[in-house]
Protein backbone atom coordinates (compact mmCIF):
# COMPACT_ATOMS: atom_id res chain seq x y z
CA MET A 1 -25.69 143.67 128.98
CA THR A 2 -25.10 146.19 131.73
CA ALA A 3 -27.87 146.18 134.52
CA LEU A 4 -29.46 149.33 135.83
CA ASN A 5 -27.40 150.62 138.60
CA PRO A 6 -30.00 151.61 141.75
CA ARG A 7 -28.02 154.87 142.04
CA THR A 8 -29.05 155.84 138.60
CA ILE A 9 -32.70 155.30 139.62
CA VAL A 10 -32.27 157.25 142.79
CA ARG A 11 -30.39 160.07 140.90
CA ALA A 12 -33.06 160.35 138.40
CA ARG A 13 -36.00 160.47 140.87
CA SER A 14 -34.18 162.96 143.22
CA VAL A 15 -33.84 165.66 140.73
CA THR A 16 -35.35 168.74 142.02
CA LEU A 17 -37.07 171.03 139.47
CA GLU A 18 -37.69 174.76 139.83
CA ARG A 19 -40.97 175.72 141.53
CA THR A 20 -42.60 177.24 138.43
CA PRO A 21 -45.58 176.61 136.44
CA GLN A 22 -43.49 175.56 133.22
CA ARG A 23 -41.72 173.01 135.27
CA LEU A 24 -44.87 171.77 137.20
CA ASP A 25 -47.40 172.05 134.64
CA PRO A 26 -45.52 172.01 131.18
CA LEU A 27 -48.78 171.62 129.02
CA GLY A 28 -50.59 174.24 131.16
CA ALA A 29 -47.51 176.73 130.48
CA GLN A 30 -47.38 176.08 126.79
CA SER A 31 -50.88 177.38 126.56
CA ALA A 32 -50.04 180.49 128.07
CA TRP A 33 -47.24 181.10 125.75
CA PRO A 34 -49.25 183.59 123.22
CA LEU A 35 -49.31 185.95 126.30
CA VAL A 36 -45.50 186.59 125.87
CA PRO A 37 -45.75 187.92 122.13
CA LEU A 38 -48.88 189.92 123.04
CA LEU A 39 -47.47 191.67 125.93
CA GLY A 40 -44.22 192.31 123.92
CA GLY A 41 -46.20 193.68 121.17
CA VAL A 42 -48.09 195.87 123.39
CA ALA A 43 -44.77 197.14 124.85
CA LEU A 44 -43.16 197.69 121.44
CA ALA A 45 -46.50 199.75 120.21
CA TYR A 46 -46.58 201.82 123.30
CA ALA A 47 -42.87 202.52 122.92
CA VAL A 48 -43.26 203.99 119.39
CA TYR A 49 -46.24 205.88 120.51
CA SER A 50 -44.65 207.43 123.40
CA THR A 51 -41.32 208.30 121.24
CA ILE A 52 -43.60 209.89 118.70
CA ILE A 53 -45.34 212.26 121.58
CA HIS A 54 -41.87 212.90 122.86
CA ALA A 55 -40.82 214.27 119.36
CA GLY A 56 -40.47 217.79 120.77
CA GLN A 57 -38.35 216.68 123.78
CA ILE A 58 -35.89 214.18 121.69
CA ARG A 59 -32.41 215.44 122.05
CA ASP A 60 -30.83 212.54 119.82
CA ALA A 61 -33.23 210.95 117.47
CA SER A 62 -30.71 208.01 116.62
CA LEU A 63 -30.68 207.06 120.33
CA ALA A 64 -34.54 207.07 120.40
CA ILE A 65 -34.52 204.68 117.37
CA VAL A 66 -31.86 202.52 118.76
CA ALA A 67 -33.78 202.28 122.08
CA ILE A 68 -36.75 200.76 120.11
CA GLY A 69 -34.47 198.24 118.34
CA VAL A 70 -33.09 197.02 121.45
CA LEU A 71 -36.62 196.53 123.06
CA LEU A 72 -37.48 194.66 119.96
CA LEU A 73 -34.62 192.44 120.44
CA ALA A 74 -35.55 191.81 124.24
CA VAL A 75 -39.35 191.03 122.77
CA VAL A 76 -37.76 188.62 120.25
CA ILE A 77 -35.97 186.71 122.79
CA ALA A 78 -38.67 186.39 125.10
CA THR A 79 -40.88 185.33 122.44
CA ILE A 80 -38.68 182.45 120.99
CA ARG A 81 -37.11 181.30 124.14
CA THR A 82 -40.63 180.89 125.80
CA HIS A 83 -41.95 179.08 122.85
CA PRO A 84 -42.82 175.46 123.75
CA GLY A 85 -40.40 174.22 121.11
CA PHE A 86 -37.55 175.50 123.05
CA ALA A 87 -38.44 174.94 126.71
CA PRO A 88 -37.25 175.26 129.38
CA PHE A 89 -36.86 178.98 129.78
CA GLY A 90 -33.50 179.03 131.46
CA ARG A 91 -32.08 181.69 133.96
CA TRP A 92 -29.74 183.65 131.46
CA SER A 93 -32.75 183.77 128.78
CA HIS A 94 -34.53 185.63 131.53
CA PHE A 95 -31.56 187.80 132.41
CA SER A 96 -31.17 188.72 128.75
CA VAL A 97 -34.74 189.74 128.34
CA VAL A 98 -34.55 192.05 131.42
CA ALA A 99 -31.23 193.32 130.63
CA PHE A 100 -32.11 194.43 127.08
CA SER A 101 -35.45 195.82 128.15
CA VAL A 102 -33.65 197.93 130.75
CA THR A 103 -30.84 198.93 128.37
CA ALA A 104 -33.66 200.05 125.87
CA ALA A 105 -35.25 202.19 128.60
CA ALA A 106 -31.91 203.76 129.54
CA LEU A 107 -31.33 204.63 126.08
CA PHE A 108 -34.65 206.38 125.54
CA ASP A 109 -34.13 208.30 128.89
CA SER A 110 -30.61 209.22 127.33
CA SER A 111 -32.48 210.52 124.16
CA VAL A 112 -34.60 213.05 125.80
CA TRP A 113 -32.07 213.84 128.78
CA GLY A 114 -32.16 217.49 129.50
CA ARG A 115 -35.60 217.90 127.85
CA ASN A 116 -37.76 215.30 129.21
CA GLU A 117 -40.76 216.99 130.75
CA ARG A 118 -42.67 214.14 132.56
CA ILE A 119 -41.83 210.70 133.89
CA GLN A 120 -45.43 209.46 133.69
CA ASP A 121 -45.41 209.23 129.93
CA ASP A 122 -41.84 207.75 129.39
CA TRP A 123 -42.34 204.09 127.96
CA GLY A 124 -39.22 202.62 129.53
CA GLN A 125 -40.76 201.40 132.93
CA ILE A 126 -44.08 200.34 131.30
CA ALA A 127 -41.96 198.22 128.58
CA VAL A 128 -40.04 196.51 131.25
CA ALA A 129 -43.14 195.81 133.56
CA LEU A 130 -45.08 194.26 130.62
CA LEU A 131 -42.11 191.73 129.95
CA LEU A 132 -41.58 191.04 133.54
CA ILE A 133 -45.27 190.18 134.10
CA ALA A 134 -45.02 187.11 132.16
CA MET A 135 -41.70 185.81 133.60
CA PRO A 136 -43.06 184.06 136.73
CA LEU A 137 -44.66 181.63 134.54
CA TYR A 138 -41.31 180.34 133.60
CA ARG A 139 -38.84 181.47 136.17
CA PRO A 140 -38.82 181.04 140.11
CA ILE A 141 -40.55 183.84 141.81
CA GLY A 142 -37.45 184.94 143.67
CA GLU A 143 -35.47 185.18 140.66
CA VAL A 144 -38.20 187.49 138.98
CA ALA A 145 -38.55 189.58 142.04
CA GLY A 146 -34.74 190.17 142.18
CA SER A 147 -34.80 191.30 138.56
CA ALA A 148 -37.69 193.67 139.07
CA VAL A 149 -36.00 195.28 142.12
CA VAL A 150 -32.72 195.74 140.07
CA ALA A 151 -34.76 197.27 137.03
CA ALA A 152 -36.69 199.33 139.46
CA ILE A 153 -33.61 200.78 140.94
CA VAL A 154 -31.74 201.44 137.59
CA LEU A 155 -34.87 203.05 136.09
CA GLY A 156 -35.87 205.00 139.35
CA GLY A 157 -32.18 206.32 139.74
CA LEU A 158 -32.12 207.61 136.08
CA ALA A 159 -35.66 209.23 136.90
CA ALA A 160 -34.45 210.83 140.02
CA ALA A 161 -31.35 212.23 138.27
CA GLN A 162 -33.41 214.12 135.82
CA HIS A 163 -33.60 217.96 136.06
CA SER A 164 -35.79 219.04 133.24
CA LEU A 165 -39.20 217.86 134.51
CA VAL A 166 -41.97 220.46 134.63
CA ILE A 167 -43.47 219.00 137.84
CA ALA A 168 -41.17 220.16 140.67
CA ASN A 169 -40.66 217.49 143.50
CA ILE A 170 -38.08 215.64 145.36
CA PRO A 171 -36.13 213.21 143.43
CA LEU A 172 -37.72 210.25 145.53
CA VAL A 173 -40.89 210.95 144.08
CA TYR A 174 -39.47 210.72 140.49
CA ALA A 175 -37.94 207.40 141.38
CA THR A 176 -41.27 206.13 142.79
CA VAL A 177 -43.14 207.06 139.61
CA ALA A 178 -40.62 205.04 137.44
CA ALA A 179 -40.33 202.13 139.73
CA THR A 180 -43.91 201.72 140.66
CA PRO A 181 -45.16 200.04 137.48
CA ILE A 182 -42.23 197.50 137.65
CA LEU A 183 -42.65 196.41 140.97
CA ALA A 184 -46.52 196.33 140.54
CA LEU A 185 -46.80 194.37 137.50
CA ALA A 186 -44.04 191.88 138.52
CA ALA A 187 -45.71 191.57 141.85
CA GLY A 188 -49.06 190.64 140.02
CA GLY A 189 -47.32 188.29 137.88
CA ALA A 190 -45.68 186.59 140.79
CA GLY A 191 -48.91 186.47 142.81
CA TYR A 192 -50.52 184.60 139.99
CA ALA A 193 -47.71 182.10 139.42
CA TRP A 194 -47.50 181.51 143.22
CA THR A 195 -51.30 180.72 143.28
CA LEU A 196 -50.99 178.69 140.11
CA THR A 197 -47.92 176.43 141.40
CA GLY A 198 -49.81 176.06 144.82
CA GLU A 199 -52.89 174.88 143.08
CA THR A 200 -50.65 172.54 140.85
CA LEU A 201 -48.89 171.10 143.55
CA ARG A 202 -52.14 170.32 145.48
CA TRP A 203 -53.65 168.74 142.33
CA ARG A 204 -50.40 166.43 141.85
CA GLU A 205 -50.84 165.14 145.50
CA VAL A 206 -54.63 164.10 144.32
CA ALA A 207 -53.44 162.78 140.94
CA ARG A 208 -50.75 160.69 142.51
CA GLU A 209 -53.09 158.90 144.83
CA GLY A 210 -55.44 158.53 141.73
CA GLN A 211 -52.34 157.01 139.65
CA LEU A 212 -51.53 154.55 142.44
CA ARG A 213 -55.12 153.22 142.24
CA LEU A 214 -54.81 153.67 138.31
CA GLU A 215 -51.69 151.54 138.14
CA ALA A 216 -53.22 148.71 139.84
CA GLU A 217 -56.33 148.80 137.49
CA LEU A 218 -53.83 148.89 134.50
CA ARG A 219 -52.04 145.87 135.90
CA GLN A 220 -55.06 144.01 136.34
CA ALA A 221 -56.29 144.97 132.80
CA ALA A 222 -53.00 144.05 131.13
CA GLU A 223 -53.37 140.58 133.08
CA ARG A 224 -56.80 140.04 131.74
CA MET A 225 -55.58 140.77 128.27
CA VAL A 226 -52.57 138.17 128.66
CA ALA A 227 -54.87 135.69 130.30
CA GLN A 228 -57.11 136.17 127.20
CA GLU A 229 -54.06 135.60 124.79
CA ARG A 230 -53.38 132.43 126.79
CA MET A 231 -56.93 131.21 126.37
CA THR A 232 -57.13 132.12 122.81
CA ALA A 233 -53.78 130.20 122.03
CA LEU A 234 -55.10 127.17 124.28
CA ASN A 235 -58.40 126.93 122.35
CA ALA A 236 -56.77 127.74 118.96
CA GLU A 237 -53.79 125.31 119.16
CA ALA A 238 -53.50 123.11 122.43
CA VAL A 239 -57.06 121.96 122.41
CA PRO A 240 -57.34 120.93 118.84
CA PHE A 241 -53.95 119.30 119.05
CA LEU A 242 -55.16 117.19 122.04
CA THR A 243 -58.42 116.31 120.71
CA SER A 244 -56.64 114.99 117.64
CA LEU A 245 -54.18 112.94 119.51
CA ALA A 246 -57.40 111.47 121.58
CA HIS A 247 -59.26 110.69 118.49
CA ARG A 248 -56.15 108.96 116.89
CA GLY A 249 -54.82 107.17 119.94
CA THR A 250 -51.37 107.30 118.69
CA VAL A 251 -48.43 109.58 118.90
CA THR A 252 -45.94 110.38 115.98
CA ALA A 253 -42.61 112.17 115.75
CA GLU A 254 -44.52 114.87 114.00
CA ASP A 255 -46.93 115.13 117.08
CA ILE A 256 -43.82 115.52 119.39
CA ASP A 257 -42.57 118.42 117.51
CA SER A 258 -45.83 120.04 117.46
CA ALA A 259 -46.43 119.57 121.11
CA ARG A 260 -42.80 120.95 121.68
CA SER A 261 -43.65 124.12 119.60
CA ILE A 262 -46.86 124.77 121.25
CA ALA A 263 -45.40 124.40 124.83
CA GLU A 264 -42.63 126.81 123.76
CA ARG A 265 -44.99 129.30 122.72
CA LEU A 266 -47.16 128.98 125.71
CA ARG A 267 -44.00 129.12 127.99
CA ARG A 268 -42.90 132.37 126.12
CA MET A 269 -46.40 133.77 126.78
CA SER A 270 -46.25 133.07 130.54
CA VAL A 271 -42.72 134.37 130.89
CA ARG A 272 -43.77 137.51 129.05
CA ALA A 273 -46.69 137.84 131.48
CA VAL A 274 -44.53 137.49 134.63
CA SER A 275 -42.01 140.09 133.26
CA ARG A 276 -44.29 142.62 131.78
CA THR A 277 -43.23 146.43 132.42
CA TRP A 278 -45.22 149.68 132.65
CA LEU A 279 -44.03 150.64 129.01
CA GLU A 280 -45.24 147.27 127.77
CA ASP A 281 -48.69 147.62 129.44
CA THR A 282 -49.11 151.29 128.48
CA LEU A 283 -48.30 150.55 124.76
CA GLU A 284 -50.53 147.38 124.44
CA LEU A 285 -53.60 149.08 126.02
CA ALA A 286 -53.13 152.20 123.88
CA LEU A 287 -52.96 150.08 120.83
CA ALA A 288 -55.58 147.41 121.69
CA PRO A 289 -58.52 149.08 119.79
CA ARG A 290 -56.07 149.29 116.49
CA LEU A 291 -54.83 145.72 116.78
CA VAL A 292 -58.46 144.54 116.93
CA GLU A 293 -58.54 145.73 113.27
CA ALA A 294 -55.46 144.06 112.21
CA PRO A 295 -55.12 140.88 114.45
CA ALA A 296 -53.15 138.97 111.73
CA ALA A 297 -50.29 141.54 111.78
CA ALA A 298 -49.83 141.43 115.25
CA THR A 299 -49.64 137.52 115.97
CA ASP A 300 -45.92 137.55 115.95
CA GLU A 301 -44.70 140.15 118.55
CA ARG A 302 -41.50 140.52 116.48
CA ASP A 303 -43.74 141.91 113.46
CA GLY A 304 -45.92 143.83 115.73
CA PRO A 305 -45.74 146.71 118.16
CA ARG A 306 -43.20 146.18 120.94
CA VAL A 307 -41.04 147.54 123.64
CA ASP A 308 -37.14 146.77 123.65
CA ASP A 309 -36.24 147.48 127.17
CA PRO A 310 -34.19 144.59 128.36
CA ASP A 311 -32.61 146.29 131.20
CA ARG A 312 -35.96 147.72 132.52
CA LEU A 313 -34.72 151.45 132.29
CA GLU A 314 -38.24 152.62 132.73
CA ARG A 315 -37.88 152.43 136.32
CA VAL A 316 -35.94 155.61 136.19
CA LEU A 317 -38.81 157.50 134.94
CA THR A 318 -40.73 159.66 137.71
CA ALA A 319 -44.41 160.09 137.93
CA ASP A 320 -44.41 163.19 136.05
CA GLN A 321 -42.53 161.70 133.26
CA ARG A 322 -44.68 158.55 133.09
CA ALA A 323 -47.63 160.82 132.77
CA ILE A 324 -46.14 162.63 129.78
CA VAL A 325 -44.77 159.47 128.37
CA GLY A 326 -48.15 157.76 128.75
CA ALA A 327 -49.97 160.68 127.12
CA MET A 328 -47.50 160.83 124.24
CA ILE A 329 -47.90 157.03 123.55
CA ALA A 330 -51.63 157.35 123.66
CA THR A 331 -51.47 160.37 121.19
CA VAL A 332 -49.38 158.44 118.76
CA ALA A 333 -51.84 155.34 119.03
CA GLY A 334 -54.74 157.57 118.22
CA ARG A 335 -53.30 159.06 115.03
CA PRO A 336 -55.60 158.01 112.21
CA GLY A 337 -52.60 157.35 109.89
CA LEU A 338 -50.89 155.02 112.07
CA ASP A 339 -49.54 151.71 111.25
CA PRO A 340 -50.07 149.98 114.79
CA CYS A 341 -47.56 147.32 113.90
CA SER A 342 -44.78 149.58 113.29
CA VAL A 343 -44.68 151.10 116.82
CA LEU A 344 -41.37 150.32 118.48
CA LEU A 345 -40.15 151.89 122.05
CA THR A 346 -36.57 150.97 122.77
CA ALA A 347 -34.52 151.94 125.86
CA ARG A 348 -30.78 151.94 125.92
CA GLU A 349 -27.73 153.05 128.08
CA PRO A 350 -28.42 152.16 131.73
CA GLU A 351 -25.76 154.63 132.98
CA ARG A 352 -27.60 157.34 131.14
CA PRO A 353 -30.94 155.90 130.44
CA SER A 354 -32.09 156.86 126.80
CA PHE A 355 -35.44 156.18 125.08
CA ALA A 356 -36.67 156.20 121.54
CA LEU A 357 -40.45 155.90 120.32
CA HIS A 358 -40.48 155.14 116.57
CA ALA A 359 -43.73 154.75 114.51
CA ALA A 360 -44.89 155.04 110.93
CA ILE A 361 -47.45 157.50 110.46
CA ALA A 362 -49.02 158.47 107.18
CA GLU A 363 -49.92 162.05 107.99
CA PRO A 364 -48.79 165.60 106.99
CA ARG A 365 -45.51 166.59 109.03
CA ARG A 366 -47.29 169.78 110.01
CA ASP A 367 -50.24 167.87 111.78
CA LEU A 368 -47.80 165.61 113.52
CA ARG A 369 -45.69 168.13 114.54
CA ARG A 370 -48.59 170.16 115.95
CA GLU A 371 -49.83 167.15 117.81
CA LEU A 372 -46.48 165.88 119.30
CA LEU A 373 -44.64 168.99 119.88
CA PRO A 374 -46.11 169.53 123.43
CA PHE A 375 -45.02 166.18 124.75
CA VAL A 376 -41.58 166.95 123.39
CA SER A 377 -41.51 170.41 125.35
CA SER A 378 -42.96 168.74 128.35
CA LEU A 379 -40.13 166.23 128.72
CA ASN A 380 -37.69 168.91 128.17
CA SER A 381 -39.21 170.90 130.99
CA VAL A 382 -39.24 167.91 133.49
CA ALA A 383 -35.33 167.20 133.56
CA MET A 384 -34.92 165.47 130.21
CA ARG A 385 -33.51 166.16 126.88
CA ALA A 386 -36.21 165.12 124.18
CA THR A 387 -36.01 165.56 120.38
CA MET A 388 -38.41 164.70 117.56
CA ARG A 389 -37.52 163.88 113.97
CA LEU A 390 -40.04 163.80 111.12
CA ARG A 391 -39.15 162.11 107.95
CA ALA A 392 -41.62 160.90 105.02
CA GLY A 393 -44.22 158.95 107.09
CA ASP A 394 -41.81 158.06 110.00
CA VAL A 395 -41.74 159.74 113.18
CA THR A 396 -39.07 159.33 115.97
CA ILE A 397 -39.15 160.75 119.51
CA ARG A 398 -36.01 160.55 121.65
CA PHE A 399 -35.83 161.45 125.29
CA ALA A 400 -33.17 160.99 127.68
CA TYR A 401 -31.30 162.21 130.62
CA PRO A 402 -28.27 164.51 129.49
CA HIS A 403 -24.97 162.95 128.99
CA GLY A 404 -22.32 163.73 131.66
CA GLY A 405 -25.04 163.74 134.41
CA PHE A 406 -28.56 164.88 135.34
CA PRO A 407 -29.69 168.38 134.78
CA ASP A 408 -29.50 170.89 137.71
CA ASN A 409 -32.53 173.45 138.34
CA GLU A 410 -31.55 175.51 135.32
CA GLY A 411 -31.74 172.75 132.79
CA ARG A 412 -27.80 172.70 132.43
CA ARG A 413 -25.65 169.65 132.81
CA ARG A 414 -23.45 169.02 135.77
């Protein structure tokens, strides 16, 4: 058995996450996901409408159709990659969305080149702006601002170069008209994300203080449960045994074996109480109401819910990761179809800590996926790699640090 290297704990707890709502508040960012396909749908609808009203100005209809197709591709990429099931939304996904949307806008400009009468009713800058407004929820503000500036320069330059406009003015005005929606909506989204992340960071400071107090309360509650278990064991085994010895006044070989067995069980309980971990406390407290309903099944810890973490790899988990794992355990414990004695949480590979939560839950896969996917997505957003497998009444959720090192700010291995 390999002990957990302190350097592994330091590396795990030192991973710097991007300052984005998706990284700092994964569950909150998931609730905002419908905004992305909604904005994408609006952009597509406006592109089709604008293309129709430009019918008399279109020089190449095939280019106009291809432009809408490329915009559709940008919307599909944004919708799929920002979905909670594919978190986190990375840098290259962001650049792909911007690149495809700007390309679509440029293709539309090409389709009406030499015949376009107004910049104001072109759909390119509006579509790009609508897609950019949601990006600060998933990417750093500086990165989104850079993308917005590049997109504004490209489309502004194309607008300034047009020579068929009915409103005569200097090229700078045309460029400003095309660039303003992009910069304005990107700035609005960035401002919202800046405020949201600031509030989230402040809330986390308050939550961290509360968590420190809660951990002490959690430890006390767990200690009370263990003390109650020991008292129950004493009342159920030791006290009757000693009482019978006192009444008989003699000690047999069978009594010696019984005393040794009782002492060994009490010793195991005492050792377990001293070496209890956060994962054990969390699992036991979450399942306590369920185990009351089935005490016989949980009398032997080998047959009941348990945590198998001999190297105490839980120490690598940060406060954010513990909060998500704790919420996930509580959600699993609350499922009506759960067999509480089937819950097993294992931790392996001290050099690259890996965890697995397994449980038997007799519920439809669709319901389980809907309830548990947010936690899998959240773990992916806080520097881990998480997967979920659902098979015929069994659920297995694995979460680990990537092999080959811890992730960088873009979620890649290094």
